[in-house]
C-alpha atoms as a PDB file:
ATOM      1  CA  MET A   1       1.571  11.434 -21.698  1.00  0.00           C
ATOM      2  CA  PRO A   2      -1.427  12.983 -19.939  1.00  0.00           C
ATOM      3  CA  ILE A   3      -4.593  10.958 -19.508  1.00  0.00           C
ATOM      4  CA  VAL A   4      -8.096  12.321 -19.816  1.00  0.00           C
ATOM      5  CA  VAL A   5     -10.822  11.252 -17.438  1.00  0.00           C
ATOM      6  CA  ASN A   6     -14.376  12.312 -18.115  1.00  0.00           C
ATOM      7  CA  LEU A   7     -16.253  12.947 -14.905  1.00  0.00           C
ATOM      8  CA  PRO A   8     -19.809  14.160 -14.398  1.00  0.00           C
ATOM      9  CA  SER A   9     -20.013  17.931 -13.976  1.00  0.00           C
ATOM     10  CA  GLU A  10     -20.948  17.535 -10.309  1.00  0.00           C
ATOM     11  CA  PHE A  11     -17.342  16.562  -9.623  1.00  0.00           C
ATOM     12  CA  LYS A  12     -16.120  19.994 -10.691  1.00  0.00           C
ATOM     13  CA  THR A  13     -18.307  21.485  -7.965  1.00  0.00           C
ATOM     14  CA  VAL A  14     -16.777  19.129  -5.406  1.00  0.00           C
ATOM     15  CA  TYR A  15     -13.241  20.002  -6.494  1.00  0.00           C
ATOM     16  CA  THR A  16     -13.940  23.730  -6.535  1.00  0.00           C
ATOM     17  CA  ASN A  17     -16.219  24.214  -3.523  1.00  0.00           C
ATOM     18  CA  ILE A  18     -15.207  21.423  -1.150  1.00  0.00           C
ATOM     19  CA  LEU A  19     -11.640  20.449  -1.976  1.00  0.00           C
ATOM     20  CA  LYS A  20     -10.799  24.038  -2.962  1.00  0.00           C
ATOM     21  CA  THR A  21      -8.548  22.927  -5.781  1.00  0.00           C
ATOM     22  CA  THR A  22      -8.484  22.200  -9.478  1.00  0.00           C
ATOM     23  CA  PRO A  23      -9.534  18.766 -10.731  1.00  0.00           C
ATOM     24  CA  ARG A  24      -5.926  18.070 -11.757  1.00  0.00           C
ATOM     25  CA  GLU A  25      -4.405  19.010  -8.397  1.00  0.00           C
ATOM     26  CA  GLY A  26      -7.234  17.369  -6.476  1.00  0.00           C
ATOM     27  CA  THR A  27      -6.827  14.108  -8.357  1.00  0.00           C
ATOM     28  CA  ILE A  28      -3.065  14.109  -7.748  1.00  0.00           C
ATOM     29  CA  LYS A  29      -3.694  14.698  -4.045  1.00  0.00           C
ATOM     30  CA  LEU A  30      -6.348  11.951  -3.848  1.00  0.00           C
ATOM     31  CA  ILE A  31      -4.094   9.418  -5.556  1.00  0.00           C
ATOM     32  CA  THR A  32      -1.116  10.380  -3.406  1.00  0.00           C
ATOM     33  CA  ASN A  33      -3.147  10.076  -0.217  1.00  0.00           C
ATOM     34  CA  GLU A  34      -4.470   6.664  -1.269  1.00  0.00           C
ATOM     35  CA  LEU A  35      -0.959   5.422  -2.007  1.00  0.00           C
ATOM     36  CA  LYS A  36       0.221   6.629   1.403  1.00  0.00           C
ATOM     37  CA  ARG A  37      -2.746   4.927   3.075  1.00  0.00           C
ATOM     38  CA  GLN A  38      -2.002   1.623   1.356  1.00  0.00           C
ATOM     39  CA  LEU A  39       1.698   1.908   2.191  1.00  0.00           C
ATOM     40  CA  LEU A  40       0.874   2.457   5.857  1.00  0.00           C
ATOM     41  CA  GLU A  41      -1.471  -0.542   5.831  1.00  0.00           C
ATOM     42  CA  TYR A  42       1.227  -2.819   4.377  1.00  0.00           C
ATOM     43  CA  LYS A  43       3.832  -1.524   6.843  1.00  0.00           C
ATOM     44  CA  LEU A  44       1.487  -2.204   9.756  1.00  0.00           C
ATOM     45  CA  ILE A  45       0.983  -5.790   8.576  1.00  0.00           C
ATOM     46  CA  GLU A  46       4.734  -6.275   8.256  1.00  0.00           C
ATOM     47  CA  LYS A  47       5.365  -4.791  11.710  1.00  0.00           C
ATOM     48  CA  LYS A  48       2.593  -6.867  13.327  1.00  0.00           C
ATOM     49  CA  LEU A  49       3.934 -10.130  11.898  1.00  0.00           C
ATOM     50  CA  ALA A  50       7.555  -9.298  12.749  1.00  0.00           C
ATOM     51  CA  LYS A  51       6.450  -8.664  16.329  1.00  0.00           C
ATOM     52  CA  LYS A  52       4.324 -11.822  16.440  1.00  0.00           C
ATOM     53  CA  TYR A  53       7.209 -14.080  15.345  1.00  0.00           C
ATOM     54  CA  GLY A  54      10.094 -12.008  16.717  1.00  0.00           C
ATOM     55  CA  VAL A  55      11.999 -12.138  13.414  1.00  0.00           C
ATOM     56  CA  SER A  56      12.146 -10.462  10.013  1.00  0.00           C
ATOM     57  CA  PHE A  57      10.413 -12.088   7.063  1.00  0.00           C
ATOM     58  CA  GLU A  58      13.761 -13.261   5.695  1.00  0.00           C
ATOM     59  CA  GLU A  59      14.568 -14.942   9.013  1.00  0.00           C
ATOM     60  CA  PHE A  60      11.058 -16.409   9.135  1.00  0.00           C
ATOM     61  CA  LYS A  61      11.674 -18.054   5.742  1.00  0.00           C
ATOM     62  CA  ARG A  62      15.250 -19.067   6.536  1.00  0.00           C
ATOM     63  CA  ASN A  63      14.162 -20.657   9.841  1.00  0.00           C
ATOM     64  CA  GLU A  64      11.436 -22.602   7.986  1.00  0.00           C
ATOM     65  CA  VAL A  65       8.839 -21.569  10.543  1.00  0.00           C
ATOM     66  CA  VAL A  66       5.961 -22.830   8.388  1.00  0.00           C
ATOM     67  CA  LYS A  67       7.512 -26.290   8.244  1.00  0.00           C
ATOM     68  CA  LYS A  68       8.378 -26.268  11.973  1.00  0.00           C
ATOM     69  CA  GLU A  69       4.766 -25.401  12.754  1.00  0.00           C
ATOM     70  CA  ASN A  70       3.571 -28.387  10.683  1.00  0.00           C
ATOM     71  CA  TYR A  71       2.136 -26.183   7.940  1.00  0.00           C
ATOM     72  CA  SER A  72      -0.638 -24.906  10.177  1.00  0.00           C
ATOM     73  CA  PHE A  73      -3.248 -22.780   8.453  1.00  0.00           C
ATOM     74  CA  GLU A  74      -2.494 -19.751  10.638  1.00  0.00           C
ATOM     75  CA  VAL A  75       1.243 -19.811   9.985  1.00  0.00           C
ATOM     76  CA  GLU A  76       0.802 -20.355   6.249  1.00  0.00           C
ATOM     77  CA  GLU A  77      -1.726 -17.527   6.144  1.00  0.00           C
ATOM     78  CA  ASP A  78       0.711 -15.273   8.014  1.00  0.00           C
ATOM     79  CA  TYR A  79       3.434 -16.212   5.528  1.00  0.00           C
ATOM     80  CA  CYS A  80       1.206 -15.223   2.593  1.00  0.00           C
ATOM     81  CA  ASP A  81       0.075 -11.994   4.260  1.00  0.00           C
ATOM     82  CA  TRP A  82       3.661 -11.070   5.146  1.00  0.00           C
ATOM     83  CA  GLU A  83       4.921 -11.776   1.639  1.00  0.00           C
ATOM     84  CA  LEU A  84       2.038  -9.741   0.176  1.00  0.00           C
ATOM     85  CA  ALA A  85       2.794  -6.850   2.528  1.00  0.00           C
ATOM     86  CA  ILE A  86       6.478  -6.775   1.585  1.00  0.00           C
ATOM     87  CA  ASP A  87       5.639  -6.889  -2.104  1.00  0.00           C
ATOM     88  CA  GLY A  88       2.995  -4.212  -1.591  1.00  0.00           C
ATOM     89  CA  ILE A  89       5.466  -1.945   0.194  1.00  0.00           C
ATOM     90  CA  ALA A  90       7.935  -2.210  -2.699  1.00  0.00           C
ATOM     91  CA  THR A  91       5.215  -1.646  -5.297  1.00  0.00           C
ATOM     92  CA  ILE A  92       3.695   1.379  -3.556  1.00  0.00           C
ATOM     93  CA  GLU A  93       7.092   2.938  -2.821  1.00  0.00           C
ATOM     94  CA  LYS A  94       7.997   2.596  -6.495  1.00  0.00           C
ATOM     95  CA  ALA A  95       4.682   4.163  -7.542  1.00  0.00           C
ATOM     96  CA  ILE A  96       5.237   7.091  -5.169  1.00  0.00           C
ATOM     97  CA  GLN A  97       8.751   7.539  -6.536  1.00  0.00           C
ATOM     98  CA  ASN A  98       7.386   7.556 -10.110  1.00  0.00           C
ATOM     99  CA  ILE A  99       4.884  10.330  -9.380  1.00  0.00           C
ATOM    100  CA  LYS A 100       7.019  12.306  -6.915  1.00  0.00           C
ATOM    101  CA  LYS A 101       7.640  15.112  -9.429  1.00  0.00           C
ATOM    102  CA  TYR A 102       3.895  15.849  -9.463  1.00  0.00           C
ATOM    103  CA  ILE A 103       3.430  15.939  -5.704  1.00  0.00           C
END
């Protein structure tokens, strides 16, 4: 089901003169680019933490690194960031898959 978004008329000028596209196509492109940007951000976090600890997130949990590091703030924060990144990757990849037919 299509959604309708009411934008000020100035946006039509931006779509037409600057983005050189229709509002529909421009909006699809903007959303797609934002999803890709977020996906890249989450993947960078995951890669950085895997490099920092030398293990995957699953190994990090299995090895109880947080416990071994006496529940230090930094390690707990890394755990939360890593878990958020992995969840974010799955969520964004699913969203991209859902809109793929429009891209």
